[in-house]
C-alpha atoms as a PDB file:
ATOM      1  CA  UNK A   1      -8.438   7.157   5.178  1.00  0.00           C
ATOM      2  CA  UNK A   2      -9.091   3.736   3.751  1.00  0.00           C
ATOM      3  CA  UNK A   3     -10.892   5.155   0.740  1.00  0.00           C
ATOM      4  CA  UNK A   4     -11.743   1.766  -0.756  1.00  0.00           C
ATOM      5  CA  UNK A   5     -13.876   0.961   2.271  1.00  0.00           C
ATOM      6  CA  UNK A   6     -15.821   4.188   1.802  1.00  0.00           C
ATOM      7  CA  UNK A   7     -16.230   3.891  -1.987  1.00  0.00           C
ATOM      8  CA  UNK A   8     -15.980   0.204  -2.978  1.00  0.00           C
ATOM      9  CA  UNK A   9     -17.237   0.741  -6.536  1.00  0.00           C
ATOM     10  CA  UNK A  10     -14.289   2.793  -7.756  1.00  0.00           C
ATOM     11  CA  UNK A  11     -12.147   1.592 -10.644  1.00  0.00           C
ATOM     12  CA  UNK A  12      -9.267   0.936  -8.274  1.00  0.00           C
ATOM     13  CA  UNK A  13      -8.490  -0.779  -5.002  1.00  0.00           C
ATOM     14  CA  UNK A  14      -6.909   0.645  -1.879  1.00  0.00           C
ATOM     15  CA  UNK A  15      -4.428  -2.220  -1.997  1.00  0.00           C
ATOM     16  CA  UNK A  16      -2.961  -1.654  -5.428  1.00  0.00           C
ATOM     17  CA  UNK A  17      -3.462   2.044  -6.237  1.00  0.00           C
ATOM     18  CA  UNK A  18       0.082   3.154  -5.482  1.00  0.00           C
ATOM     19  CA  UNK A  19       1.942  -0.155  -5.815  1.00  0.00           C
ATOM     20  CA  UNK A  20       4.050  -0.160  -8.968  1.00  0.00           C
ATOM     21  CA  UNK A  21       4.446  -3.916  -8.480  1.00  0.00           C
ATOM     22  CA  UNK A  22       0.693  -4.486  -8.642  1.00  0.00           C
ATOM     23  CA  UNK A  23      -0.338  -7.647 -10.525  1.00  0.00           C
ATOM     24  CA  UNK A  24      -2.582  -5.425 -12.665  1.00  0.00           C
ATOM     25  CA  UNK A  25       0.562  -3.850 -14.183  1.00  0.00           C
ATOM     26  CA  UNK A  26       3.308  -6.494 -13.939  1.00  0.00           C
ATOM     27  CA  UNK A  27       5.694  -4.432 -16.097  1.00  0.00           C
ATOM     28  CA  UNK A  28       5.145  -1.144 -14.237  1.00  0.00           C
ATOM     29  CA  UNK A  29       8.656  -0.867 -12.807  1.00  0.00           C
ATOM     30  CA  UNK A  30      10.385  -1.253 -16.181  1.00  0.00           C
ATOM     31  CA  UNK A  31       7.708   0.795 -17.970  1.00  0.00           C
ATOM     32  CA  UNK A  32       8.258   3.777 -15.657  1.00  0.00           C
ATOM     33  CA  UNK A  33      12.016   3.668 -15.026  1.00  0.00           C
ATOM     34  CA  UNK A  34      13.301   1.480 -17.843  1.00  0.00           C
ATOM     35  CA  UNK A  35      15.172   2.655 -20.908  1.00  0.00           C
ATOM     36  CA  UNK A  36      11.928   2.580 -22.950  1.00  0.00           C
ATOM     37  CA  UNK A  37       9.215   4.474 -21.085  1.00  0.00           C
ATOM     38  CA  UNK A  38       5.532   3.654 -21.367  1.00  0.00           C
ATOM     39  CA  UNK A  39       3.093   6.486 -20.681  1.00  0.00           C
ATOM     40  CA  UNK A  40       0.117   4.135 -20.360  1.00  0.00           C
ATOM     41  CA  UNK A  41       1.191   3.141 -16.837  1.00  0.00           C
ATOM     42  CA  UNK A  42       1.416   6.777 -15.758  1.00  0.00           C
ATOM     43  CA  UNK A  43      -1.960   7.412 -17.379  1.00  0.00           C
ATOM     44  CA  UNK A  44      -3.451   4.585 -15.315  1.00  0.00           C
ATOM     45  CA  UNK A  45      -2.015   6.094 -12.121  1.00  0.00           C
ATOM     46  CA  UNK A  46      -3.300   9.564 -13.053  1.00  0.00           C
ATOM     47  CA  UNK A  47      -6.746   8.179 -13.940  1.00  0.00           C
ATOM     48  CA  UNK A  48      -6.972   6.436 -10.570  1.00  0.00           C
ATOM     49  CA  UNK A  49      -6.153   9.699  -8.799  1.00  0.00           C
ATOM     50  CA  UNK A  50      -8.774  11.539 -10.862  1.00  0.00           C
ATOM     51  CA  UNK A  51     -11.288   8.802  -9.997  1.00  0.00           C
ATOM     52  CA  UNK A  52     -10.764   9.484  -6.296  1.00  0.00           C
ATOM     53  CA  UNK A  53     -11.052  13.261  -6.700  1.00  0.00           C
ATOM     54  CA  UNK A  54     -14.211  13.042  -8.819  1.00  0.00           C
ATOM     55  CA  UNK A  55     -15.873  10.829  -6.220  1.00  0.00           C
ATOM     56  CA  UNK A  56     -14.875  13.297  -3.512  1.00  0.00           C
ATOM     57  CA  UNK A  57     -16.101  16.181  -5.671  1.00  0.00           C
ATOM     58  CA  UNK A  58     -12.824  18.085  -5.475  1.00  0.00           C
ATOM     59  CA  UNK A  59     -10.191  19.547  -7.786  1.00  0.00           C
ATOM     60  CA  UNK A  60      -7.035  19.716  -5.660  1.00  0.00           C
ATOM     61  CA  UNK A  61      -4.055  21.992  -6.149  1.00  0.00           C
ATOM     62  CA  UNK A  62      -1.156  19.863  -7.397  1.00  0.00           C
ATOM     63  CA  UNK A  63       2.277  19.975  -5.789  1.00  0.00           C
ATOM     64  CA  UNK A  64       4.825  17.663  -7.347  1.00  0.00           C
ATOM     65  CA  UNK A  65       8.494  16.767  -7.442  1.00  0.00           C
ATOM     66  CA  UNK A  66       9.729  18.515 -10.590  1.00  0.00           C
ATOM     67  CA  UNK A  67      11.227  15.541 -12.384  1.00  0.00           C
ATOM     68  CA  UNK A  68      10.055  12.403 -14.153  1.00  0.00           C
ATOM     69  CA  UNK A  69       7.729  10.601 -13.413  1.00  0.00           C
ATOM     70  CA  UNK A  70       6.063  13.044 -10.987  1.00  0.00           C
ATOM     71  CA  UNK A  71       5.920  15.879 -13.518  1.00  0.00           C
ATOM     72  CA  UNK A  72       4.362  13.618 -16.156  1.00  0.00           C
ATOM     73  CA  UNK A  73       1.764  12.216 -13.732  1.00  0.00           C
ATOM     74  CA  UNK A  74       0.911  15.800 -12.717  1.00  0.00           C
ATOM     75  CA  UNK A  75       0.382  16.770 -16.382  1.00  0.00           C
ATOM     76  CA  UNK A  76      -1.777  13.720 -17.093  1.00  0.00           C
ATOM     77  CA  UNK A  77      -3.803  14.260 -13.920  1.00  0.00           C
ATOM     78  CA  UNK A  78      -4.417  17.918 -14.800  1.00  0.00           C
ATOM     79  CA  UNK A  79      -5.459  17.068 -18.370  1.00  0.00           C
ATOM     80  CA  UNK A  80      -7.848  14.336 -17.213  1.00  0.00           C
ATOM     81  CA  UNK A  81      -9.522  16.379 -14.499  1.00  0.00           C
ATOM     82  CA  UNK A  82      -9.921  19.357 -16.868  1.00  0.00           C
ATOM     83  CA  UNK A  83     -11.567  17.041 -19.422  1.00  0.00           C
ATOM     84  CA  UNK A  84     -14.007  15.905 -16.735  1.00  0.00           C
ATOM     85  CA  UNK A  85     -14.893  19.524 -15.916  1.00  0.00           C
ATOM     86  CA  UNK A  86     -15.262  20.361 -19.635  1.00  0.00           C
ATOM     87  CA  UNK A  87     -18.032  17.762 -20.061  1.00  0.00           C
ATOM     88  CA  UNK A  88     -20.005  19.165 -17.132  1.00  0.00           C
ATOM     89  CA  UNK A  89     -18.366  17.699 -14.071  1.00  0.00           C
ATOM     90  CA  UNK A  90     -18.880  19.819 -10.956  1.00  0.00           C
ATOM     91  CA  UNK A  91     -15.806  19.918  -8.738  1.00  0.00           C
ATOM     92  CA  UNK A  92     -14.860  22.257  -5.887  1.00  0.00           C
ATOM     93  CA  UNK A  93     -11.330  23.656  -5.833  1.00  0.00           C
ATOM     94  CA  UNK A  94     -10.305  22.092  -2.577  1.00  0.00           C
ATOM     95  CA  UNK A  95      -7.458  20.071  -1.130  1.00  0.00           C
ATOM     96  CA  UNK A  96      -3.833  19.428  -2.048  1.00  0.00           C
ATOM     97  CA  UNK A  97      -2.358  16.598  -4.098  1.00  0.00           C
ATOM     98  CA  UNK A  98       1.319  15.860  -3.406  1.00  0.00           C
ATOM     99  CA  UNK A  99       3.267  13.745  -5.892  1.00  0.00           C
ATOM    100  CA  UNK A 100       6.539  12.722  -4.275  1.00  0.00           C
ATOM    101  CA  UNK A 101       9.316  10.680  -5.865  1.00  0.00           C
ATOM    102  CA  UNK A 102      10.305   8.028  -3.329  1.00  0.00           C
ATOM    103  CA  UNK A 103      13.425   7.161  -5.351  1.00  0.00           C
ATOM    104  CA  UNK A 104      14.955  10.301  -3.824  1.00  0.00           C
ATOM    105  CA  UNK A 105      15.868   7.968  -0.931  1.00  0.00           C
ATOM    106  CA  UNK A 106      16.604   4.497  -2.346  1.00  0.00           C
ATOM    107  CA  UNK A 107      18.207   3.365   0.926  1.00  0.00           C
ATOM    108  CA  UNK A 108      15.038   3.021   3.002  1.00  0.00           C
ATOM    109  CA  UNK A 109      13.656  -0.118   1.266  1.00  0.00           C
ATOM    110  CA  UNK A 110      17.021  -1.867   1.742  1.00  0.00           C
ATOM    111  CA  UNK A 111      17.483  -1.264   5.469  1.00  0.00           C
ATOM    112  CA  UNK A 112      16.408  -3.841   8.046  1.00  0.00           C
ATOM    113  CA  UNK A 113      13.809  -2.240  10.335  1.00  0.00           C
ATOM    114  CA  UNK A 114      13.571  -3.075  14.036  1.00  0.00           C
ATOM    115  CA  UNK A 115      10.074  -1.807  14.801  1.00  0.00           C
ATOM    116  CA  UNK A 116       7.107  -4.166  14.798  1.00  0.00           C
ATOM    117  CA  UNK A 117       5.111  -3.401  11.636  1.00  0.00           C
ATOM    118  CA  UNK A 118       8.073  -2.748   9.285  1.00  0.00           C
ATOM    119  CA  UNK A 119       9.863  -5.855  10.564  1.00  0.00           C
ATOM    120  CA  UNK A 120       6.767  -8.010  10.024  1.00  0.00           C
ATOM    121  CA  UNK A 121       6.409  -6.672   6.480  1.00  0.00           C
ATOM    122  CA  UNK A 122      10.110  -7.249   5.809  1.00  0.00           C
ATOM    123  CA  UNK A 123      10.543 -10.740   7.269  1.00  0.00           C
ATOM    124  CA  UNK A 124       7.166 -12.468   7.074  1.00  0.00           C
ATOM    125  CA  UNK A 125       5.051 -13.428   4.025  1.00  0.00           C
ATOM    126  CA  UNK A 126       2.397 -10.732   4.418  1.00  0.00           C
ATOM    127  CA  UNK A 127       0.153 -10.442   1.366  1.00  0.00           C
ATOM    128  CA  UNK A 128      -1.530  -7.435  -0.175  1.00  0.00           C
ATOM    129  CA  UNK A 129      -3.798  -5.576   2.204  1.00  0.00           C
ATOM    130  CA  UNK A 130      -2.049  -7.099   5.232  1.00  0.00           C
ATOM    131  CA  UNK A 131      -3.278 -10.659   4.653  1.00  0.00           C
ATOM    132  CA  UNK A 132      -1.254 -13.126   6.724  1.00  0.00           C
ATOM    133  CA  UNK A 133      -1.584 -16.891   7.088  1.00  0.00           C
ATOM    134  CA  UNK A 134      -0.200 -18.446  10.242  1.00  0.00           C
ATOM    135  CA  UNK A 135      -0.371 -21.414  12.571  1.00  0.00           C
ATOM    136  CA  UNK A 136      -0.296 -20.605  16.279  1.00  0.00           C
ATOM    137  CA  UNK A 137       2.300 -22.106  18.579  1.00  0.00           C
ATOM    138  CA  UNK A 138      -0.335 -23.912  20.604  1.00  0.00           C
ATOM    139  CA  UNK A 139      -0.041 -26.893  18.263  1.00  0.00           C
ATOM    140  CA  UNK A 140      -3.013 -26.197  16.004  1.00  0.00           C
ATOM    141  CA  UNK A 141      -3.060 -28.299  12.848  1.00  0.00           C
ATOM    142  CA  UNK A 142      -5.141 -25.811  10.924  1.00  0.00           C
ATOM    143  CA  UNK A 143      -3.686 -22.525   9.690  1.00  0.00           C
ATOM    144  CA  UNK A 144      -5.578 -19.247   9.959  1.00  0.00           C
ATOM    145  CA  UNK A 145      -5.687 -16.241   7.659  1.00  0.00           C
ATOM    146  CA  UNK A 146      -5.944 -12.832   9.311  1.00  0.00           C
ATOM    147  CA  UNK A 147      -5.696  -9.186   8.277  1.00  0.00           C
ATOM    148  CA  UNK A 148      -3.058  -6.991   9.871  1.00  0.00           C
ATOM    149  CA  UNK A 149      -4.646  -3.570   9.585  1.00  0.00           C
ATOM    150  CA  UNK A 150      -6.096  -0.661  11.547  1.00  0.00           C
ATOM    151  CA  UNK A 151      -8.987  -2.821  12.769  1.00  0.00           C
ATOM    152  CA  UNK A 152      -6.515  -4.858  14.827  1.00  0.00           C
ATOM    153  CA  UNK A 153      -6.124  -2.962  18.104  1.00  0.00           C
ATOM    154  CA  UNK A 154      -2.896  -4.684  19.144  1.00  0.00           C
ATOM    155  CA  UNK A 155      -1.337  -4.074  15.726  1.00  0.00           C
ATOM    156  CA  UNK A 156      -2.260  -0.388  15.939  1.00  0.00           C
ATOM    157  CA  UNK A 157      -0.939  -0.051  19.491  1.00  0.00           C
ATOM    158  CA  UNK A 158       2.483  -1.627  18.956  1.00  0.00           C
ATOM    159  CA  UNK A 159       3.329  -1.344  15.256  1.00  0.00           C
ATOM    160  CA  UNK A 160       5.895   1.438  15.713  1.00  0.00           C
ATOM    161  CA  UNK A 161       7.523   0.000  18.834  1.00  0.00           C
ATOM    162  CA  UNK A 162      10.890  -1.768  18.950  1.00  0.00           C
ATOM    163  CA  UNK A 163      10.348  -5.491  18.339  1.00  0.00           C
ATOM    164  CA  UNK A 164      11.863  -6.564  21.666  1.00  0.00           C
ATOM    165  CA  UNK A 165       9.699  -4.113  23.612  1.00  0.00           C
ATOM    166  CA  UNK A 166       6.683  -5.243  21.612  1.00  0.00           C
ATOM    167  CA  UNK A 167       7.250  -8.911  22.488  1.00  0.00           C
ATOM    168  CA  UNK A 168       7.642  -8.094  26.204  1.00  0.00           C
ATOM    169  CA  UNK A 169       4.563  -5.856  26.310  1.00  0.00           C
ATOM    170  CA  UNK A 170       2.386  -8.319  24.421  1.00  0.00           C
ATOM    171  CA  UNK A 171       3.353 -11.150  26.776  1.00  0.00           C
ATOM    172  CA  UNK A 172       2.598  -8.954  29.793  1.00  0.00           C
ATOM    173  CA  UNK A 173      -0.764  -8.015  28.286  1.00  0.00           C
ATOM    174  CA  UNK A 174      -1.527 -11.716  27.803  1.00  0.00           C
ATOM    175  CA  UNK A 175      -0.752 -12.390  31.471  1.00  0.00           C
ATOM    176  CA  UNK A 176      -3.090  -9.584  32.554  1.00  0.00           C
ATOM    177  CA  UNK A 177      -5.808 -10.875  30.224  1.00  0.00           C
ATOM    178  CA  UNK A 178      -5.489 -14.440  31.548  1.00  0.00           C
ATOM    179  CA  UNK A 179      -5.678 -13.176  35.138  1.00  0.00           C
ATOM    180  CA  UNK A 180      -8.815 -11.177  34.311  1.00  0.00           C
ATOM    181  CA  UNK A 181     -10.380 -14.285  32.773  1.00  0.00           C
ATOM    182  CA  UNK A 182      -9.746 -16.369  35.869  1.00  0.00           C
ATOM    183  CA  UNK A 183     -11.080 -13.636  38.131  1.00  0.00           C
ATOM    184  CA  UNK A 184     -14.254 -13.216  36.083  1.00  0.00           C
ATOM    185  CA  UNK A 185     -14.870 -16.966  36.096  1.00  0.00           C
ATOM    186  CA  UNK A 186     -14.895 -16.918  39.871  1.00  0.00           C
ATOM    187  CA  UNK A 187     -17.000 -13.761  40.205  1.00  0.00           C
ATOM    188  CA  UNK A 188     -19.702 -14.159  37.528  1.00  0.00           C
ATOM    189  CA  UNK A 189     -22.665 -16.010  38.995  1.00  0.00           C
ATOM    190  CA  UNK A 190     -25.161 -15.445  36.197  1.00  0.00           C
ATOM    191  CA  UNK A 191     -24.473 -17.991  33.450  1.00  0.00           C
ATOM    192  CA  UNK A 192     -26.292 -15.745  30.961  1.00  0.00           C
ATOM    193  CA  UNK A 193     -23.836 -12.906  31.554  1.00  0.00           C
ATOM    194  CA  UNK A 194     -20.933 -15.309  31.168  1.00  0.00           C
ATOM    195  CA  UNK A 195     -22.216 -16.575  27.817  1.00  0.00           C
ATOM    196  CA  UNK A 196     -22.611 -12.997  26.552  1.00  0.00           C
ATOM    197  CA  UNK A 197     -18.944 -12.282  27.203  1.00  0.00           C
ATOM    198  CA  UNK A 198     -17.634 -15.406  25.475  1.00  0.00           C
ATOM    199  CA  UNK A 199     -17.444 -14.086  21.852  1.00  0.00           C
ATOM    200  CA  UNK A 200     -15.483 -11.003  22.904  1.00  0.00           C
ATOM    201  CA  UNK A 201     -13.195 -13.093  25.106  1.00  0.00           C
ATOM    202  CA  UNK A 202     -12.493 -15.528  22.288  1.00  0.00           C
ATOM    203  CA  UNK A 203     -11.766 -12.663  19.898  1.00  0.00           C
ATOM    204  CA  UNK A 204      -9.320 -11.094  22.337  1.00  0.00           C
ATOM    205  CA  UNK A 205      -7.730 -14.462  23.040  1.00  0.00           C
ATOM    206  CA  UNK A 206      -7.251 -15.115  19.303  1.00  0.00           C
ATOM    207  CA  UNK A 207      -5.784 -11.644  18.848  1.00  0.00           C
ATOM    208  CA  UNK A 208      -3.254 -12.140  21.618  1.00  0.00           C
ATOM    209  CA  UNK A 209      -2.346 -15.584  20.268  1.00  0.00           C
ATOM    210  CA  UNK A 210      -1.774 -14.068  16.819  1.00  0.00           C
ATOM    211  CA  UNK A 211       0.589 -11.358  18.028  1.00  0.00           C
ATOM    212  CA  UNK A 212       2.457 -13.601  20.447  1.00  0.00           C
ATOM    213  CA  UNK A 213       3.108 -15.896  17.474  1.00  0.00           C
ATOM    214  CA  UNK A 214       4.085 -13.087  15.083  1.00  0.00           C
ATOM    215  CA  UNK A 215       6.397 -11.300  17.523  1.00  0.00           C
ATOM    216  CA  UNK A 216       8.176 -14.563  18.343  1.00  0.00           C
ATOM    217  CA  UNK A 217       8.520 -15.377  14.644  1.00  0.00           C
ATOM    218  CA  UNK A 218      10.165 -11.987  14.098  1.00  0.00           C
ATOM    219  CA  UNK A 219      12.578 -12.475  16.993  1.00  0.00           C
ATOM    220  CA  UNK A 220      13.449 -15.976  15.753  1.00  0.00           C
ATOM    221  CA  UNK A 221      14.130 -14.627  12.255  1.00  0.00           C
ATOM    222  CA  UNK A 222      16.120 -11.739  13.740  1.00  0.00           C
ATOM    223  CA  UNK A 223      18.403 -14.352  15.305  1.00  0.00           C
ATOM    224  CA  UNK A 224      18.421 -16.788  12.368  1.00  0.00           C
ATOM    225  CA  UNK A 225      19.259 -14.053   9.842  1.00  0.00           C
ATOM    226  CA  UNK A 226      22.037 -12.665  12.074  1.00  0.00           C
ATOM    227  CA  UNK A 227      20.352  -9.260  12.070  1.00  0.00           C
ATOM    228  CA  UNK A 228      22.096  -8.424  15.341  1.00  0.00           C
ATOM    229  CA  UNK A 229      25.258  -8.285  13.230  1.00  0.00           C
ATOM    230  CA  UNK A 230      23.762  -6.902  10.015  1.00  0.00           C
ATOM    231  CA  UNK A 231      21.909  -3.915  11.471  1.00  0.00           C
ATOM    232  CA  UNK A 232      24.954  -2.331  13.205  1.00  0.00           C
ATOM    233  CA  UNK A 233      26.923  -2.770   9.962  1.00  0.00           C
ATOM    234  CA  UNK A 234      24.121  -1.121   7.990  1.00  0.00           C
ATOM    235  CA  UNK A 235      24.238   1.781  10.446  1.00  0.00           C
ATOM    236  CA  UNK A 236      27.975   2.275   9.877  1.00  0.00           C
ATOM    237  CA  UNK A 237      27.563   2.097   6.086  1.00  0.00           C
ATOM    238  CA  UNK A 238      24.782   4.680   6.126  1.00  0.00           C
ATOM    239  CA  UNK A 239      26.010   7.088   8.808  1.00  0.00           C
ATOM    240  CA  UNK A 240      29.758   6.499   8.910  1.00  0.00           C
ATOM    241  CA  UNK A 241      29.608   6.034  12.695  1.00  0.00           C
ATOM    242  CA  UNK A 242      29.284   3.017  14.968  1.00  0.00           C
ATOM    243  CA  UNK A 243      27.320   2.790  18.235  1.00  0.00           C
ATOM    244  CA  UNK A 244      30.221   4.335  20.147  1.00  0.00           C
ATOM    245  CA  UNK A 245      30.299   7.346  17.829  1.00  0.00           C
ATOM    246  CA  UNK A 246      33.613   6.327  16.259  1.00  0.00           C
ATOM    247  CA  UNK A 247      34.248   6.571  12.523  1.00  0.00           C
ATOM    248  CA  UNK A 248      35.847   3.389  11.159  1.00  0.00           C
ATOM    249  CA  UNK A 249      38.284   3.755   8.281  1.00  0.00           C
ATOM    250  CA  UNK A 250      37.135   2.796   4.798  1.00  0.00           C
ATOM    251  CA  UNK A 251      39.402  -0.255   4.788  1.00  0.00           C
ATOM    252  CA  UNK A 252      38.141  -1.400   8.189  1.00  0.00           C
ATOM    253  CA  UNK A 253      34.549  -1.015   7.019  1.00  0.00           C
ATOM    254  CA  UNK A 254      35.261  -2.989   3.847  1.00  0.00           C
ATOM    255  CA  UNK A 255      36.980  -5.723   5.885  1.00  0.00           C
ATOM    256  CA  UNK A 256      33.899  -6.056   8.108  1.00  0.00           C
ATOM    257  CA  UNK A 257      31.659  -6.044   5.038  1.00  0.00           C
ATOM    258  CA  UNK A 258      33.816  -8.768   3.451  1.00  0.00           C
ATOM    259  CA  UNK A 259      33.476 -10.920   6.569  1.00  0.00           C
ATOM    260  CA  UNK A 260      29.696 -10.556   6.737  1.00  0.00           C
ATOM    261  CA  UNK A 261      29.255 -11.216   3.008  1.00  0.00           C
ATOM    262  CA  UNK A 262      31.320 -14.402   3.332  1.00  0.00           C
ATOM    263  CA  UNK A 263      29.225 -15.629   6.282  1.00  0.00           C
ATOM    264  CA  UNK A 264      26.052 -17.724   6.220  1.00  0.00           C
ATOM    265  CA  UNK A 265      23.573 -14.912   5.684  1.00  0.00           C
ATOM    266  CA  UNK A 266      20.900 -15.119   3.008  1.00  0.00           C
ATOM    267  CA  UNK A 267      21.632 -14.189  -0.597  1.00  0.00           C
ATOM    268  CA  UNK A 268      18.965 -11.513  -0.366  1.00  0.00           C
ATOM    269  CA  UNK A 269      20.706  -9.895   2.614  1.00  0.00           C
ATOM    270  CA  UNK A 270      24.011  -9.985   0.718  1.00  0.00           C
ATOM    271  CA  UNK A 271      22.396  -8.129  -2.169  1.00  0.00           C
ATOM    272  CA  UNK A 272      20.932  -5.565   0.205  1.00  0.00           C
ATOM    273  CA  UNK A 273      24.292  -4.904   1.851  1.00  0.00           C
ATOM    274  CA  UNK A 274      26.105  -4.400  -1.448  1.00  0.00           C
ATOM    275  CA  UNK A 275      23.393  -2.093  -2.770  1.00  0.00           C
ATOM    276  CA  UNK A 276      23.420  -0.085   0.463  1.00  0.00           C
ATOM    277  CA  UNK A 277      27.170   0.297   0.264  1.00  0.00           C
ATOM    278  CA  UNK A 278      26.966   1.346  -3.395  1.00  0.00           C
ATOM    279  CA  UNK A 279      24.328   3.993  -2.682  1.00  0.00           C
ATOM    280  CA  UNK A 280      25.855   5.413   0.487  1.00  0.00           C
ATOM    281  CA  UNK A 281      29.555   5.143  -0.366  1.00  0.00           C
ATOM    282  CA  UNK A 282      29.877   4.850  -4.118  1.00  0.00           C
ATOM    283  CA  UNK A 283      31.283   1.731  -5.747  1.00  0.00           C
ATOM    284  CA  UNK A 284      34.151   1.481  -8.215  1.00  0.00           C
ATOM    285  CA  UNK A 285      34.641  -1.595 -10.386  1.00  0.00           C
ATOM    286  CA  UNK A 286      37.454  -3.047  -8.231  1.00  0.00           C
ATOM    287  CA  UNK A 287      35.448  -2.798  -5.009  1.00  0.00           C
ATOM    288  CA  UNK A 288      32.376  -4.199  -6.734  1.00  0.00           C
ATOM    289  CA  UNK A 289      34.366  -7.192  -7.953  1.00  0.00           C
ATOM    290  CA  UNK A 290      35.799  -7.713  -4.466  1.00  0.00           C
ATOM    291  CA  UNK A 291      32.392  -7.645  -2.766  1.00  0.00           C
ATOM    292  CA  UNK A 292      30.812  -9.977  -5.296  1.00  0.00           C
ATOM    293  CA  UNK A 293      33.646 -12.471  -4.899  1.00  0.00           C
ATOM    294  CA  UNK A 294      33.253 -12.458  -1.126  1.00  0.00           C
ATOM    295  CA  UNK A 295      29.476 -12.813  -1.311  1.00  0.00           C
ATOM    296  CA  UNK A 296      29.333 -15.623  -3.861  1.00  0.00           C
ATOM    297  CA  UNK A 297      26.526 -13.838  -5.697  1.00  0.00           C
ATOM    298  CA  UNK A 298      26.066 -14.784  -9.367  1.00  0.00           C
ATOM    299  CA  UNK A 299      27.458 -12.552 -12.095  1.00  0.00           C
ATOM    300  CA  UNK A 300      23.910 -11.803 -13.224  1.00  0.00           C
ATOM    301  CA  UNK A 301      23.445  -9.744 -10.059  1.00  0.00           C
ATOM    302  CA  UNK A 302      25.918  -7.147 -11.360  1.00  0.00           C
ATOM    303  CA  UNK A 303      22.951  -5.589 -13.154  1.00  0.00           C
ATOM    304  CA  UNK A 304      21.346  -4.817  -9.773  1.00  0.00           C
ATOM    305  CA  UNK A 305      24.167  -2.415  -9.028  1.00  0.00           C
ATOM    306  CA  UNK A 306      24.326  -0.945 -12.531  1.00  0.00           C
ATOM    307  CA  UNK A 307      20.569  -0.340 -12.582  1.00  0.00           C
ATOM    308  CA  UNK A 308      20.871   1.948  -9.555  1.00  0.00           C
ATOM    309  CA  UNK A 309      21.591   4.729 -12.049  1.00  0.00           C
ATOM    310  CA  UNK A 310      17.910   4.525 -13.035  1.00  0.00           C
ATOM    311  CA  UNK A 311      17.163   5.677  -9.474  1.00  0.00           C
ATOM    312  CA  UNK A 312      19.580   8.601  -9.861  1.00  0.00           C
ATOM    313  CA  UNK A 313      22.403   6.960  -7.902  1.00  0.00           C
ATOM    314  CA  UNK A 314      25.820   8.031  -9.160  1.00  0.00           C
ATOM    315  CA  UNK A 315      28.194   5.149  -8.397  1.00  0.00           C
ATOM    316  CA  UNK A 316      31.232   7.264  -9.283  1.00  0.00           C
ATOM    317  CA  UNK A 317      30.575   9.594  -6.345  1.00  0.00           C
ATOM    318  CA  UNK A 318      30.345   8.962  -2.629  1.00  0.00           C
ATOM    319  CA  UNK A 319      26.709   9.047  -1.654  1.00  0.00           C
ATOM    320  CA  UNK A 320      23.565   9.983  -3.511  1.00  0.00           C
ATOM    321  CA  UNK A 321      23.503  12.713  -6.098  1.00  0.00           C
ATOM    322  CA  UNK A 322      21.384  15.462  -4.593  1.00  0.00           C
ATOM    323  CA  UNK A 323      18.497  16.684  -6.720  1.00  0.00           C
ATOM    324  CA  UNK A 324      17.064  20.171  -6.283  1.00  0.00           C
ATOM    325  CA  UNK A 325      14.121  20.103  -8.660  1.00  0.00           C
ATOM    326  CA  UNK A 326      11.388  20.325  -6.001  1.00  0.00           C
END
């Protein structure tokens, strides 16, 4: 549920409630997971959750991942909601609140997705709340700003489909729409009926133009960023198997990784590959030095790898240290 739409006067927004990178708390990431922890950020998160529950009139049962910061947020939430009840707040014991630590899987944000919505979010400059500014390929001088959200029927229909299938289906849908337009022009005799249909037709036309443009932008970036080479390599790093089901040796995998890191991919993609390898395979100092030399990344980026320990990644072991605190 888009709660902000239902209750616009809350002391929070649907856009920024669960984003630790929100502009409202620019230091949230370091405050929560840094060496010096700041409870005020967790208090703000807990207060926002209480705000929602109070407006819904419920006191949910809390289920949480039994480690920091979930356990601390759970404590702060419980204290705040009990204080509200103590001063006369009427809440029904109803619902469940799950607090899950997404750092249990630090690989997901690094992987390159190949379905429509995740790829758009990964490759294109989509703002908070799905705001996207674009210029259609029809040669328009003026750019448009649109919202990619559940109100967009095409976005909802295709967002979890493979990007190539999405592009094909959208183009076919455009062809059908254009054919329907031509047929209706020839069949509608009453000019009044024709005028009534114009706003809806224009809206549909604009929607198709938007998604034709976006899907083509994604495919262009897929090619320009050499994702056809990166994604299979990511798969081998994460699963240990290639498309044929074979298991390449460690040295063969490192040789392929060396070659890709030395190629003309973006610096950001080089960082992602090294971090993925470190998380999935472990990374000793010699291998780290080797990969950084091949990639040409600055020495300052060494801290990116070392800071993985703040997300419970043990670089001395192969793979992620499994936590059983739930």
